[in-house]
N, C-alpha and C. Protein backbone atom coordinates (compact mmCIF):
# COMPACT_ATOMS: atom_id res chain seq x y z
N MET A 1 -6.64 19.69 14.87
CA MET A 1 -6.67 19.32 13.48
C MET A 1 -8.12 19.21 12.99
N THR A 2 -8.38 19.84 11.87
CA THR A 2 -9.72 19.79 11.29
C THR A 2 -9.85 18.55 10.43
N LEU A 3 -10.90 17.79 10.66
CA LEU A 3 -11.20 16.62 9.84
C LEU A 3 -12.25 17.01 8.81
N THR A 4 -12.18 16.39 7.66
CA THR A 4 -13.20 16.59 6.65
C THR A 4 -13.88 15.26 6.36
N LEU A 5 -15.06 15.33 5.81
CA LEU A 5 -15.88 14.15 5.60
C LEU A 5 -15.16 13.09 4.77
N ASP A 6 -14.37 13.49 3.80
CA ASP A 6 -13.67 12.52 2.95
C ASP A 6 -12.57 11.77 3.69
N GLN A 7 -12.13 12.27 4.85
CA GLN A 7 -11.05 11.65 5.62
C GLN A 7 -11.53 10.59 6.60
N LEU A 8 -12.82 10.52 6.85
CA LEU A 8 -13.35 9.61 7.85
C LEU A 8 -13.50 8.20 7.32
N PRO A 9 -13.36 7.21 8.20
CA PRO A 9 -13.65 5.83 7.78
C PRO A 9 -15.16 5.66 7.59
N ASP A 10 -15.54 4.68 6.81
CA ASP A 10 -16.96 4.38 6.61
C ASP A 10 -17.62 4.06 7.95
N ARG A 11 -18.85 4.50 8.06
CA ARG A 11 -19.71 4.23 9.22
C ARG A 11 -19.26 4.93 10.50
N GLN A 12 -18.41 5.94 10.41
CA GLN A 12 -17.98 6.72 11.58
C GLN A 12 -18.96 7.88 11.76
N ALA A 13 -19.70 7.88 12.86
CA ALA A 13 -20.65 8.95 13.13
C ALA A 13 -19.89 10.24 13.41
N CYS A 14 -20.38 11.33 12.85
CA CYS A 14 -19.76 12.63 13.10
C CYS A 14 -20.80 13.73 12.97
N THR A 15 -20.39 14.94 13.28
CA THR A 15 -21.26 16.10 13.23
C THR A 15 -20.62 17.16 12.36
N VAL A 16 -21.40 17.77 11.50
CA VAL A 16 -20.90 18.86 10.66
C VAL A 16 -20.55 20.05 11.54
N THR A 17 -19.35 20.61 11.34
CA THR A 17 -18.97 21.82 12.06
C THR A 17 -18.95 23.04 11.16
N GLN A 18 -18.65 22.84 9.87
CA GLN A 18 -18.55 23.96 8.95
C GLN A 18 -18.49 23.45 7.51
N VAL A 19 -18.94 24.27 6.58
CA VAL A 19 -18.76 24.00 5.16
C VAL A 19 -17.79 25.04 4.63
N ALA A 20 -16.69 24.59 4.06
CA ALA A 20 -15.63 25.48 3.57
C ALA A 20 -15.29 25.12 2.13
N PRO A 21 -15.96 25.73 1.16
CA PRO A 21 -15.71 25.39 -0.25
C PRO A 21 -14.37 25.93 -0.73
N PRO A 22 -13.87 25.37 -1.82
CA PRO A 22 -12.62 25.90 -2.39
C PRO A 22 -12.87 27.29 -3.01
N ALA A 23 -11.83 28.07 -3.12
CA ALA A 23 -11.95 29.43 -3.67
C ALA A 23 -12.49 29.43 -5.09
N ASN A 24 -12.20 28.37 -5.85
CA ASN A 24 -12.66 28.35 -7.24
C ASN A 24 -14.10 27.84 -7.39
N ALA A 25 -14.76 27.49 -6.29
CA ALA A 25 -16.15 27.02 -6.34
C ALA A 25 -16.94 27.49 -5.12
N PRO A 26 -17.03 28.81 -4.89
CA PRO A 26 -17.72 29.30 -3.69
C PRO A 26 -19.20 28.93 -3.65
N GLU A 27 -19.80 28.65 -4.81
CA GLU A 27 -21.22 28.28 -4.86
C GLU A 27 -21.49 26.94 -4.17
N TRP A 28 -20.47 26.12 -3.97
CA TRP A 28 -20.66 24.84 -3.29
C TRP A 28 -21.14 25.03 -1.85
N HIS A 29 -20.78 26.15 -1.23
CA HIS A 29 -21.22 26.41 0.15
C HIS A 29 -22.75 26.41 0.23
N GLU A 30 -23.36 27.21 -0.61
CA GLU A 30 -24.83 27.30 -0.62
C GLU A 30 -25.46 25.97 -1.01
N TRP A 31 -24.91 25.32 -2.03
CA TRP A 31 -25.45 24.05 -2.50
C TRP A 31 -25.40 22.98 -1.40
N LEU A 32 -24.25 22.84 -0.73
CA LEU A 32 -24.12 21.83 0.32
C LEU A 32 -25.05 22.14 1.49
N GLU A 33 -25.20 23.41 1.85
CA GLU A 33 -26.13 23.75 2.93
C GLU A 33 -27.58 23.50 2.52
N GLU A 34 -27.92 23.77 1.27
CA GLU A 34 -29.29 23.53 0.79
C GLU A 34 -29.68 22.06 0.88
N ILE A 35 -28.72 21.16 0.69
CA ILE A 35 -29.07 19.73 0.76
C ILE A 35 -28.89 19.15 2.16
N GLY A 36 -28.55 20.01 3.15
CA GLY A 36 -28.58 19.56 4.54
C GLY A 36 -27.28 19.57 5.30
N PHE A 37 -26.17 19.95 4.68
CA PHE A 37 -24.89 19.96 5.38
C PHE A 37 -24.75 21.25 6.18
N LEU A 38 -25.43 21.28 7.31
CA LEU A 38 -25.45 22.45 8.19
C LEU A 38 -24.73 22.12 9.49
N PRO A 39 -24.09 23.11 10.11
CA PRO A 39 -23.42 22.86 11.40
C PRO A 39 -24.39 22.24 12.41
N GLY A 40 -23.92 21.20 13.07
CA GLY A 40 -24.72 20.50 14.07
C GLY A 40 -25.42 19.26 13.55
N GLU A 41 -25.52 19.11 12.24
CA GLU A 41 -26.19 17.93 11.66
C GLU A 41 -25.28 16.71 11.76
N ARG A 42 -25.88 15.57 12.06
CA ARG A 42 -25.12 14.31 12.10
C ARG A 42 -24.97 13.79 10.68
N VAL A 43 -23.79 13.26 10.39
CA VAL A 43 -23.48 12.78 9.05
C VAL A 43 -22.59 11.55 9.16
N MET A 44 -22.66 10.69 8.12
CA MET A 44 -21.87 9.47 8.12
C MET A 44 -21.58 9.07 6.67
N VAL A 45 -20.35 8.63 6.41
CA VAL A 45 -20.01 8.04 5.12
C VAL A 45 -20.46 6.59 5.18
N MET A 46 -21.36 6.22 4.29
CA MET A 46 -21.91 4.87 4.30
C MET A 46 -21.06 3.90 3.48
N ALA A 47 -20.53 4.37 2.35
CA ALA A 47 -19.75 3.52 1.45
C ALA A 47 -18.98 4.38 0.47
N ARG A 48 -18.03 3.76 -0.22
CA ARG A 48 -17.25 4.43 -1.25
C ARG A 48 -17.25 3.55 -2.50
N ALA A 49 -17.31 4.21 -3.64
CA ALA A 49 -17.29 3.46 -4.90
C ALA A 49 -15.92 2.85 -5.12
N LEU A 50 -15.92 1.72 -5.82
CA LEU A 50 -14.66 1.06 -6.16
C LEU A 50 -14.50 1.10 -7.67
N PRO A 51 -13.35 1.27 -8.19
CA PRO A 51 -12.09 1.52 -7.49
C PRO A 51 -11.92 3.00 -7.21
N GLY A 52 -11.05 3.33 -6.31
CA GLY A 52 -10.67 4.72 -6.05
C GLY A 52 -11.45 5.45 -4.98
N GLY A 53 -12.58 4.93 -4.54
CA GLY A 53 -13.32 5.57 -3.46
C GLY A 53 -14.05 6.85 -3.84
N ASP A 54 -14.37 7.02 -5.11
CA ASP A 54 -15.05 8.24 -5.54
C ASP A 54 -16.19 7.86 -6.47
N PRO A 55 -17.43 8.18 -6.17
CA PRO A 55 -17.90 9.06 -5.11
C PRO A 55 -18.13 8.34 -3.78
N LEU A 56 -18.49 9.12 -2.78
CA LEU A 56 -18.83 8.60 -1.46
C LEU A 56 -20.35 8.60 -1.32
N VAL A 57 -20.89 7.59 -0.67
CA VAL A 57 -22.31 7.56 -0.32
C VAL A 57 -22.39 8.12 1.10
N VAL A 58 -23.10 9.22 1.26
CA VAL A 58 -23.14 9.96 2.53
C VAL A 58 -24.58 10.07 3.01
N ARG A 59 -24.78 9.80 4.29
CA ARG A 59 -26.10 9.97 4.90
C ARG A 59 -26.05 11.17 5.83
N ILE A 60 -26.99 12.09 5.61
CA ILE A 60 -27.15 13.23 6.52
C ILE A 60 -28.62 13.30 6.87
N GLY A 61 -28.92 13.21 8.16
CA GLY A 61 -30.31 13.11 8.59
C GLY A 61 -30.91 11.84 8.02
N SER A 62 -32.06 11.98 7.34
CA SER A 62 -32.70 10.81 6.73
C SER A 62 -32.47 10.77 5.22
N SER A 63 -31.57 11.61 4.72
CA SER A 63 -31.28 11.67 3.28
C SER A 63 -29.94 11.02 2.98
N THR A 64 -29.83 10.45 1.78
CA THR A 64 -28.59 9.84 1.33
C THR A 64 -28.19 10.48 0.00
N PHE A 65 -26.91 10.86 -0.10
CA PHE A 65 -26.39 11.53 -1.29
C PHE A 65 -25.10 10.86 -1.73
N ALA A 66 -24.78 11.01 -3.00
CA ALA A 66 -23.45 10.66 -3.51
C ALA A 66 -22.69 11.97 -3.67
N LEU A 67 -21.55 12.07 -3.00
CA LEU A 67 -20.69 13.24 -3.12
C LEU A 67 -19.34 12.83 -3.68
N ARG A 68 -18.82 13.65 -4.56
CA ARG A 68 -17.44 13.42 -5.00
C ARG A 68 -16.53 13.72 -3.81
N ARG A 69 -15.35 13.11 -3.81
CA ARG A 69 -14.41 13.34 -2.70
C ARG A 69 -14.10 14.82 -2.55
N VAL A 70 -13.93 15.53 -3.65
CA VAL A 70 -13.61 16.95 -3.59
C VAL A 70 -14.74 17.75 -2.92
N GLU A 71 -15.98 17.33 -3.11
CA GLU A 71 -17.11 17.98 -2.44
C GLU A 71 -17.13 17.61 -0.95
N ALA A 72 -16.91 16.33 -0.65
CA ALA A 72 -16.89 15.89 0.75
C ALA A 72 -15.76 16.56 1.53
N ALA A 73 -14.69 16.92 0.83
CA ALA A 73 -13.57 17.60 1.50
C ALA A 73 -13.93 19.00 1.96
N CYS A 74 -15.04 19.55 1.49
CA CYS A 74 -15.51 20.87 1.92
C CYS A 74 -16.26 20.82 3.25
N VAL A 75 -16.66 19.63 3.67
CA VAL A 75 -17.49 19.48 4.87
C VAL A 75 -16.57 19.13 6.05
N GLN A 76 -16.38 20.10 6.93
CA GLN A 76 -15.57 19.88 8.13
C GLN A 76 -16.45 19.26 9.20
N VAL A 77 -15.87 18.28 9.92
CA VAL A 77 -16.66 17.50 10.87
C VAL A 77 -15.89 17.28 12.17
N ALA A 78 -16.65 16.91 13.19
CA ALA A 78 -16.10 16.43 14.46
C ALA A 78 -16.70 15.06 14.70
N THR A 79 -15.88 14.09 15.06
CA THR A 79 -16.42 12.77 15.36
C THR A 79 -17.25 12.86 16.62
N GLU A 80 -18.14 11.90 16.80
CA GLU A 80 -19.00 11.89 17.99
C GLU A 80 -18.15 11.88 19.25
N HIS A 81 -17.05 11.11 19.24
CA HIS A 81 -16.16 11.04 20.40
C HIS A 81 -15.53 12.41 20.68
N ARG A 82 -15.03 13.08 19.64
CA ARG A 82 -14.41 14.39 19.80
C ARG A 82 -15.43 15.43 20.27
N ALA A 83 -16.65 15.36 19.72
CA ALA A 83 -17.68 16.31 20.11
C ALA A 83 -17.99 16.15 21.60
N ALA A 84 -18.04 14.90 22.10
CA ALA A 84 -18.29 14.66 23.50
C ALA A 84 -17.15 15.17 24.36
N ASP A 85 -15.89 15.00 23.90
CA ASP A 85 -14.74 15.51 24.64
C ASP A 85 -14.80 17.02 24.75
N GLY A 86 -15.18 17.68 23.66
CA GLY A 86 -15.25 19.13 23.65
C GLY A 86 -16.31 19.65 24.61
N ALA A 87 -17.42 18.92 24.73
CA ALA A 87 -18.50 19.34 25.64
C ALA A 87 -18.09 19.16 27.09
N ALA A 88 -17.24 18.18 27.35
CA ALA A 88 -16.84 17.89 28.73
C ALA A 88 -15.78 18.87 29.23
N ALA A 89 -15.06 19.50 28.29
CA ALA A 89 -13.97 20.38 28.69
C ALA A 89 -14.45 21.69 29.25
């Protein structure tokens, strides 16, 4: 099962595996990669706005961004635990 950044609990360390924008917004791929969402980068959801949890405060590397949930849903991730399991297999 593929996890996306918007599905993770706050403060869960993970690694970007892929950026997959929706068909109606292919330009998001380039934009998200330009701001640092590249495969292998560590990322974490720091907080969510109330009410509704949109936008998300996301830390990637030493940068912090606010992403809408729909944008965060484009960032596929592996949790640190899952990434370690995959390396051991």
